[in-house]
Amino acid sequence: MQPIVDRLTAEYSDRVTFRALNAQDGGEGQNLFASVRLPGHPGYVIYNGNQIEIYRGFGVIAEADLRQAIETALIAE
């Protein structure tokens, strides 16, 4: 998944904030995973500019699906 995330980051970094956290770090990443109730990893939560959740997924996800979720979040601002 990292190559997909890297491509999307490069494509959208001027309009989207990306955060990569370790769900097993015993700290911030693990706490965030628990607070947003992601059942597995890798996990993805996409919010629009108003902090409304637009997309949630975990595991292997198609690049087109993540791209569509990002585009939806950008439109929903």
PDB file of N, CA and C in Angstrom:
ATOM      1  N   MET A   1       0.814  -1.202   0.000  1.00  0.00           N
ATOM      2  CA  MET A   1       0.000   0.000   0.000  1.00  0.00           C
ATOM      3  C   MET A   1       0.857   1.265   0.000  1.00  0.00           C
ATOM      4  N   GLN A   2       2.074   1.196   0.511  1.00  0.00           N
ATOM      5  CA  GLN A   2       2.881   2.400   0.630  1.00  0.00           C
ATOM      6  C   GLN A   2       3.111   3.100  -0.706  1.00  0.00           C
ATOM      7  N   PRO A   3       3.385   2.368  -1.798  1.00  0.00           N
ATOM      8  CA  PRO A   3       3.546   3.067  -3.083  1.00  0.00           C
ATOM      9  C   PRO A   3       2.282   3.829  -3.501  1.00  0.00           C
ATOM     10  N   ILE A   4       1.121   3.269  -3.207  1.00  0.00           N
ATOM     11  CA  ILE A   4      -0.144   3.952  -3.533  1.00  0.00           C
ATOM     12  C   ILE A   4      -0.275   5.219  -2.701  1.00  0.00           C
ATOM     13  N   VAL A   5      -0.029   5.101  -1.413  1.00  0.00           N
ATOM     14  CA  VAL A   5      -0.119   6.258  -0.525  1.00  0.00           C
ATOM     15  C   VAL A   5       0.894   7.326  -0.946  1.00  0.00           C
ATOM     16  N   ASP A   6       2.080   6.905  -1.320  1.00  0.00           N
ATOM     17  CA  ASP A   6       3.099   7.859  -1.767  1.00  0.00           C
ATOM     18  C   ASP A   6       2.643   8.609  -3.023  1.00  0.00           C
ATOM     19  N   ARG A   7       2.052   7.905  -3.970  1.00  0.00           N
ATOM     20  CA  ARG A   7       1.556   8.561  -5.187  1.00  0.00           C
ATOM     21  C   ARG A   7       0.447   9.555  -4.870  1.00  0.00           C
ATOM     22  N   LEU A   8      -0.494   9.142  -4.024  1.00  0.00           N
ATOM     23  CA  LEU A   8      -1.595  10.034  -3.665  1.00  0.00           C
ATOM     24  C   LEU A   8      -1.094  11.243  -2.883  1.00  0.00           C
ATOM     25  N   THR A   9      -0.123  11.037  -2.015  1.00  0.00           N
ATOM     26  CA  THR A   9       0.467  12.146  -1.269  1.00  0.00           C
ATOM     27  C   THR A   9       1.101  13.146  -2.225  1.00  0.00           C
ATOM     28  N   ALA A  10       1.861  12.654  -3.188  1.00  0.00           N
ATOM     29  CA  ALA A  10       2.498  13.542  -4.165  1.00  0.00           C
ATOM     30  C   ALA A  10       1.454  14.301  -4.986  1.00  0.00           C
ATOM     31  N   GLU A  11       0.389  13.632  -5.336  1.00  0.00           N
ATOM     32  CA  GLU A  11      -0.651  14.228  -6.170  1.00  0.00           C
ATOM     33  C   GLU A  11      -1.492  15.264  -5.431  1.00  0.00           C
ATOM     34  N   TYR A  12      -1.787  15.030  -4.158  1.00  0.00           N
ATOM     35  CA  TYR A  12      -2.737  15.859  -3.425  1.00  0.00           C
ATOM     36  C   TYR A  12      -2.121  16.679  -2.289  1.00  0.00           C
ATOM     37  N   SER A  13      -0.823  16.635  -2.096  1.00  0.00           N
ATOM     38  CA  SER A  13      -0.218  17.265  -0.918  1.00  0.00           C
ATOM     39  C   SER A  13      -0.454  18.765  -0.833  1.00  0.00           C
ATOM     40  N   ASP A  14      -0.774  19.410  -1.945  1.00  0.00           N
ATOM     41  CA  ASP A  14      -1.048  20.850  -1.899  1.00  0.00           C
ATOM     42  C   ASP A  14      -2.465  21.151  -1.396  1.00  0.00           C
ATOM     43  N   ARG A  15      -3.320  20.105  -1.306  1.00  0.00           N
ATOM     44  CA  ARG A  15      -4.710  20.317  -0.885  1.00  0.00           C
ATOM     45  C   ARG A  15      -5.145  19.434   0.273  1.00  0.00           C
ATOM     46  N   VAL A  16      -4.334  18.432   0.610  1.00  0.00           N
ATOM     47  CA  VAL A  16      -4.721  17.432   1.609  1.00  0.00           C
ATOM     48  C   VAL A  16      -3.569  17.232   2.589  1.00  0.00           C
ATOM     49  N   THR A  17      -3.919  17.071   3.858  1.00  0.00           N
ATOM     50  CA  THR A  17      -2.923  16.720   4.873  1.00  0.00           C
ATOM     51  C   THR A  17      -2.950  15.211   5.067  1.00  0.00           C
ATOM     52  N   PHE A  18      -1.809  14.587   4.893  1.00  0.00           N
ATOM     53  CA  PHE A  18      -1.678  13.143   5.087  1.00  0.00           C
ATOM     54  C   PHE A  18      -0.908  12.906   6.375  1.00  0.00           C
ATOM     55  N   ARG A  19      -1.362  11.944   7.173  1.00  0.00           N
ATOM     56  CA  ARG A  19      -0.650  11.550   8.384  1.00  0.00           C
ATOM     57  C   ARG A  19      -0.460  10.046   8.358  1.00  0.00           C
ATOM     58  N   ALA A  20       0.746   9.623   8.598  1.00  0.00           N
ATOM     59  CA  ALA A  20       1.053   8.198   8.685  1.00  0.00           C
ATOM     60  C   ALA A  20       1.443   7.901  10.128  1.00  0.00           C
ATOM     61  N   LEU A  21       0.724   6.973  10.741  1.00  0.00           N
ATOM     62  CA  LEU A  21       0.966   6.619  12.132  1.00  0.00           C
ATOM     63  C   LEU A  21       1.096   5.114  12.269  1.00  0.00           C
ATOM     64  N   ASN A  22       1.863   4.688  13.230  1.00  0.00           N
ATOM     65  CA  ASN A  22       2.060   3.274  13.510  1.00  0.00           C
ATOM     66  C   ASN A  22       1.020   2.822  14.535  1.00  0.00           C
ATOM     67  N   ALA A  23       0.156   1.917  14.136  1.00  0.00           N
ATOM     68  CA  ALA A  23      -0.923   1.449  15.009  1.00  0.00           C
ATOM     69  C   ALA A  23      -0.416   0.571  16.153  1.00  0.00           C
ATOM     70  N   GLN A  24       0.856   0.230  16.117  1.00  0.00           N
ATOM     71  CA  GLN A  24       1.401  -0.632  17.162  1.00  0.00           C
ATOM     72  C   GLN A  24       2.572   0.026  17.877  1.00  0.00           C
ATOM     73  N   ASP A  25       2.576   1.360  17.933  1.00  0.00           N
ATOM     74  CA  ASP A  25       3.713   2.061  18.526  1.00  0.00           C
ATOM     75  C   ASP A  25       3.603   2.228  20.041  1.00  0.00           C
ATOM     76  N   GLY A  26       2.456   1.845  20.602  1.00  0.00           N
ATOM     77  CA  GLY A  26       2.268   2.005  22.035  1.00  0.00           C
ATOM     78  C   GLY A  26       2.059   3.455  22.440  1.00  0.00           C
ATOM     79  N   GLY A  27       1.849   4.322  21.451  1.00  0.00           N
ATOM     80  CA  GLY A  27       1.686   5.744  21.740  1.00  0.00           C
ATOM     81  C   GLY A  27       0.626   6.380  20.874  1.00  0.00           C
ATOM     82  N   GLU A  28       1.002   7.476  20.213  1.00  0.00           N
ATOM     83  CA  GLU A  28       0.044   8.275  19.445  1.00  0.00           C
ATOM     84  C   GLU A  28      -0.698   7.464  18.383  1.00  0.00           C
ATOM     85  N   GLY A  29       0.020   6.694  17.596  1.00  0.00           N
ATOM     86  CA  GLY A  29      -0.619   5.910  16.547  1.00  0.00           C
ATOM     87  C   GLY A  29      -1.614   4.905  17.100  1.00  0.00           C
ATOM     88  N   GLN A  30      -1.201   4.191  18.104  1.00  0.00           N
ATOM     89  CA  GLN A  30      -2.078   3.185  18.718  1.00  0.00           C
ATOM     90  C   GLN A  30      -3.300   3.845  19.348  1.00  0.00           C
ATOM     91  N   ASN A  31      -3.101   4.976  19.999  1.00  0.00           N
ATOM     92  CA  ASN A  31      -4.222   5.692  20.611  1.00  0.00           C
ATOM     93  C   ASN A  31      -5.192   6.203  19.561  1.00  0.00           C
ATOM     94  N   LEU A  32      -4.674   6.733  18.451  1.00  0.00           N
ATOM     95  CA  LEU A  32      -5.546   7.228  17.398  1.00  0.00           C
ATOM     96  C   LEU A  32      -6.339   6.093  16.761  1.00  0.00           C
ATOM     97  N   PHE A  33      -5.674   4.969  16.491  1.00  0.00           N
ATOM     98  CA  PHE A  33      -6.378   3.813  15.934  1.00  0.00           C
ATOM     99  C   PHE A  33      -7.532   3.405  16.842  1.00  0.00           C
ATOM    100  N   ALA A  34      -7.288   3.380  18.138  1.00  0.00           N
ATOM    101  CA  ALA A  34      -8.334   3.006  19.088  1.00  0.00           C
ATOM    102  C   ALA A  34      -9.444   4.057  19.120  1.00  0.00           C
ATOM    103  N   SER A  35      -9.079   5.328  19.093  1.00  0.00           N
ATOM    104  CA  SER A  35     -10.093   6.382  19.207  1.00  0.00           C
ATOM    105  C   SER A  35     -11.012   6.453  17.991  1.00  0.00           C
ATOM    106  N   VAL A  36     -10.501   6.108  16.804  1.00  0.00           N
ATOM    107  CA  VAL A  36     -11.365   6.124  15.611  1.00  0.00           C
ATOM    108  C   VAL A  36     -11.898   4.729  15.298  1.00  0.00           C
ATOM    109  N   ARG A  37     -11.585   3.792  16.171  1.00  0.00           N
ATOM    110  CA  ARG A  37     -12.111   2.424  16.101  1.00  0.00           C
ATOM    111  C   ARG A  37     -11.832   1.726  14.774  1.00  0.00           C
ATOM    112  N   LEU A  38     -10.580   1.799  14.334  1.00  0.00           N
ATOM    113  CA  LEU A  38     -10.187   1.055  13.138  1.00  0.00           C
ATOM    114  C   LEU A  38      -9.898  -0.385  13.537  1.00  0.00           C
ATOM    115  N   PRO A  39     -10.524  -1.364  12.878  1.00  0.00           N
ATOM    116  CA  PRO A  39     -10.388  -2.755  13.285  1.00  0.00           C
ATOM    117  C   PRO A  39      -9.135  -3.453  12.763  1.00  0.00           C
ATOM    118  N   GLY A  40      -8.389  -2.832  11.896  1.00  0.00           N
ATOM    119  CA  GLY A  40      -7.207  -3.481  11.339  1.00  0.00           C
ATOM    120  C   GLY A  40      -6.272  -2.455  10.736  1.00  0.00           C
ATOM    121  N   HIS A  41      -5.174  -2.960  10.214  1.00  0.00           N
ATOM    122  CA  HIS A  41      -4.244  -2.045   9.564  1.00  0.00           C
ATOM    123  C   HIS A  41      -3.660  -2.691   8.329  1.00  0.00           C
ATOM    124  N   PRO A  42      -3.253  -1.942   7.348  1.00  0.00           N
ATOM    125  CA  PRO A  42      -3.294  -0.485   7.401  1.00  0.00           C
ATOM    126  C   PRO A  42      -4.730   0.024   7.427  1.00  0.00           C
ATOM    127  N   GLY A  43      -4.907   1.170   8.021  1.00  0.00           N
ATOM    128  CA  GLY A  43      -6.238   1.764   8.115  1.00  0.00           C
ATOM    129  C   GLY A  43      -6.237   3.165   7.557  1.00  0.00           C
ATOM    130  N   TYR A  44      -7.368   3.567   7.039  1.00  0.00           N
ATOM    131  CA  TYR A  44      -7.489   4.876   6.395  1.00  0.00           C
ATOM    132  C   TYR A  44      -8.790   5.526   6.824  1.00  0.00           C
ATOM    133  N   VAL A  45      -8.692   6.771   7.266  1.00  0.00           N
ATOM    134  CA  VAL A  45      -9.873   7.569   7.559  1.00  0.00           C
ATOM    135  C   VAL A  45      -9.666   8.896   6.838  1.00  0.00           C
ATOM    136  N   ILE A  46     -10.641   9.281   6.045  1.00  0.00           N
ATOM    137  CA  ILE A  46     -10.545  10.527   5.282  1.00  0.00           C
ATOM    138  C   ILE A  46     -11.664  11.445   5.733  1.00  0.00           C
ATOM    139  N   TYR A  47     -11.274  12.657   6.106  1.00  0.00           N
ATOM    140  CA  TYR A  47     -12.211  13.685   6.546  1.00  0.00           C
ATOM    141  C   TYR A  47     -12.211  14.825   5.531  1.00  0.00           C
ATOM    142  N   ASN A  48     -13.325  15.513   5.429  1.00  0.00           N
ATOM    143  CA  ASN A  48     -13.331  16.714   4.606  1.00  0.00           C
ATOM    144  C   ASN A  48     -12.813  17.882   5.440  1.00  0.00           C
ATOM    145  N   GLY A  49     -12.794  19.072   4.864  1.00  0.00           N
ATOM    146  CA  GLY A  49     -12.275  20.242   5.560  1.00  0.00           C
ATOM    147  C   GLY A  49     -13.068  20.636   6.782  1.00  0.00           C
ATOM    148  N   ASN A  50     -14.284  20.135   6.908  1.00  0.00           N
ATOM    149  CA  ASN A  50     -15.125  20.408   8.073  1.00  0.00           C
ATOM    150  C   ASN A  50     -15.028  19.319   9.123  1.00  0.00           C
ATOM    151  N   GLN A  51     -14.040  18.431   8.982  1.00  0.00           N
ATOM    152  CA  GLN A  51     -13.804  17.327   9.920  1.00  0.00           C
ATOM    153  C   GLN A  51     -14.931  16.307   9.945  1.00  0.00           C
ATOM    154  N   ILE A  52     -15.651  16.181   8.844  1.00  0.00           N
ATOM    155  CA  ILE A  52     -16.685  15.161   8.710  1.00  0.00           C
ATOM    156  C   ILE A  52     -16.071  13.963   8.005  1.00  0.00           C
ATOM    157  N   GLU A  53     -16.237  12.790   8.601  1.00  0.00           N
ATOM    158  CA  GLU A  53     -15.669  11.588   8.007  1.00  0.00           C
ATOM    159  C   GLU A  53     -16.354  11.279   6.678  1.00  0.00           C
ATOM    160  N   ILE A  54     -15.539  11.094   5.658  1.00  0.00           N
ATOM    161  CA  ILE A  54     -16.020  10.802   4.316  1.00  0.00           C
ATOM    162  C   ILE A  54     -15.774   9.343   3.943  1.00  0.00           C
ATOM    163  N   TYR A  55     -14.695   8.783   4.467  1.00  0.00           N
ATOM    164  CA  TYR A  55     -14.304   7.429   4.069  1.00  0.00           C
ATOM    165  C   TYR A  55     -13.572   6.754   5.218  1.00  0.00           C
ATOM    166  N   ARG A  56     -13.777   5.439   5.327  1.00  0.00           N
ATOM    167  CA  ARG A  56     -13.077   4.613   6.306  1.00  0.00           C
ATOM    168  C   ARG A  56     -12.812   3.257   5.671  1.00  0.00           C
ATOM    169  N   GLY A  57     -11.603   2.784   5.778  1.00  0.00           N
ATOM    170  CA  GLY A  57     -11.278   1.469   5.253  1.00  0.00           C
ATOM    171  C   GLY A  57     -10.017   0.928   5.892  1.00  0.00           C
ATOM    172  N   PHE A  58      -9.809  -0.357   5.750  1.00  0.00           N
ATOM    173  CA  PHE A  58      -8.579  -0.959   6.255  1.00  0.00           C
ATOM    174  C   PHE A  58      -8.209  -2.138   5.382  1.00  0.00           C
ATOM    175  N   GLY A  59      -6.930  -2.494   5.447  1.00  0.00           N
ATOM    176  CA  GLY A  59      -6.420  -3.569   4.612  1.00  0.00           C
ATOM    177  C   GLY A  59      -5.989  -3.037   3.257  1.00  0.00           C
ATOM    178  N   VAL A  60      -5.905  -3.926   2.299  1.00  0.00           N
ATOM    179  CA  VAL A  60      -5.500  -3.540   0.947  1.00  0.00           C
ATOM    180  C   VAL A  60      -6.692  -2.899   0.254  1.00  0.00           C
ATOM    181  N   ILE A  61      -6.503  -1.668  -0.217  1.00  0.00           N
ATOM    182  CA  ILE A  61      -7.568  -0.898  -0.858  1.00  0.00           C
ATOM    183  C   ILE A  61      -7.070  -0.431  -2.209  1.00  0.00           C
ATOM    184  N   ALA A  62      -7.920  -0.500  -3.193  1.00  0.00           N
ATOM    185  CA  ALA A  62      -7.541  -0.076  -4.545  1.00  0.00           C
ATOM    186  C   ALA A  62      -7.230   1.420  -4.566  1.00  0.00           C
ATOM    187  N   GLU A  63      -6.216   1.770  -5.326  1.00  0.00           N
ATOM    188  CA  GLU A  63      -5.829   3.170  -5.459  1.00  0.00           C
ATOM    189  C   GLU A  63      -7.001   4.024  -5.951  1.00  0.00           C
ATOM    190  N   ALA A  64      -7.773   3.501  -6.882  1.00  0.00           N
ATOM    191  CA  ALA A  64      -8.914   4.249  -7.418  1.00  0.00           C
ATOM    192  C   ALA A  64      -9.935   4.554  -6.320  1.00  0.00           C
ATOM    193  N   ASP A  65     -10.120   3.625  -5.393  1.00  0.00           N
ATOM    194  CA  ASP A  65     -11.076   3.846  -4.299  1.00  0.00           C
ATOM    195  C   ASP A  65     -10.594   4.946  -3.354  1.00  0.00           C
ATOM    196  N   LEU A  66      -9.300   4.927  -3.026  1.00  0.00           N
ATOM    197  CA  LEU A  66      -8.761   5.983  -2.166  1.00  0.00           C
ATOM    198  C   LEU A  66      -8.798   7.334  -2.881  1.00  0.00           C
ATOM    199  N   ARG A  67      -8.460   7.349  -4.159  1.00  0.00           N
ATOM    200  CA  ARG A  67      -8.497   8.590  -4.938  1.00  0.00           C
ATOM    201  C   ARG A  67      -9.925   9.158  -4.960  1.00  0.00           C
ATOM    202  N   GLN A  68     -10.899   8.300  -5.174  1.00  0.00           N
ATOM    203  CA  GLN A  68     -12.295   8.746  -5.208  1.00  0.00           C
ATOM    204  C   GLN A  68     -12.713   9.314  -3.853  1.00  0.00           C
ATOM    205  N   ALA A  69     -12.288   8.684  -2.781  1.00  0.00           N
ATOM    206  CA  ALA A  69     -12.620   9.176  -1.446  1.00  0.00           C
ATOM    207  C   ALA A  69     -11.987  10.545  -1.203  1.00  0.00           C
ATOM    208  N   ILE A  70     -10.769  10.732  -1.641  1.00  0.00           N
ATOM    209  CA  ILE A  70     -10.110  12.035  -1.503  1.00  0.00           C
ATOM    210  C   ILE A  70     -10.853  13.084  -2.313  1.00  0.00           C
ATOM    211  N   GLU A  71     -11.198  12.759  -3.546  1.00  0.00           N
ATOM    212  CA  GLU A  71     -11.932  13.705  -4.398  1.00  0.00           C
ATOM    213  C   GLU A  71     -13.280  14.055  -3.772  1.00  0.00           C
ATOM    214  N   THR A  72     -13.957  13.076  -3.213  1.00  0.00           N
ATOM    215  CA  THR A  72     -15.252  13.308  -2.553  1.00  0.00           C
ATOM    216  C   THR A  72     -15.065  14.254  -1.367  1.00  0.00           C
ATOM    217  N   ALA A  73     -14.009  14.037  -0.580  1.00  0.00           N
ATOM    218  CA  ALA A  73     -13.738  14.906   0.572  1.00  0.00           C
ATOM    219  C   ALA A  73     -13.459  16.330   0.119  1.00  0.00           C
ATOM    220  N   LEU A  74     -12.737  16.484  -0.965  1.00  0.00           N
ATOM    221  CA  LEU A  74     -12.417  17.826  -1.457  1.00  0.00           C
ATOM    222  C   LEU A  74     -13.676  18.552  -1.951  1.00  0.00           C
ATOM    223  N   ILE A  75     -14.565  17.816  -2.563  1.00  0.00           N
ATOM    224  CA  ILE A  75     -15.822  18.405  -3.059  1.00  0.00           C
ATOM    225  C   ILE A  75     -16.730  18.766  -1.887  1.00  0.00           C
ATOM    226  N   ALA A  76     -16.696  17.955  -0.834  1.00  0.00           N
ATOM    227  CA  ALA A  76     -17.632  18.115   0.292  1.00  0.00           C
ATOM    228  C   ALA A  76     -17.213  19.210   1.265  1.00  0.00           C
ATOM    229  N   GLU A  77     -16.172  19.945   0.986  1.00  0.00           N
ATOM    230  CA  GLU A  77     -15.720  21.005   1.912  1.00  0.00           C
ATOM    231  C   GLU A  77     -16.694  22.145   1.929  1.00  0.00           C
TER     232      GLU A  77
END
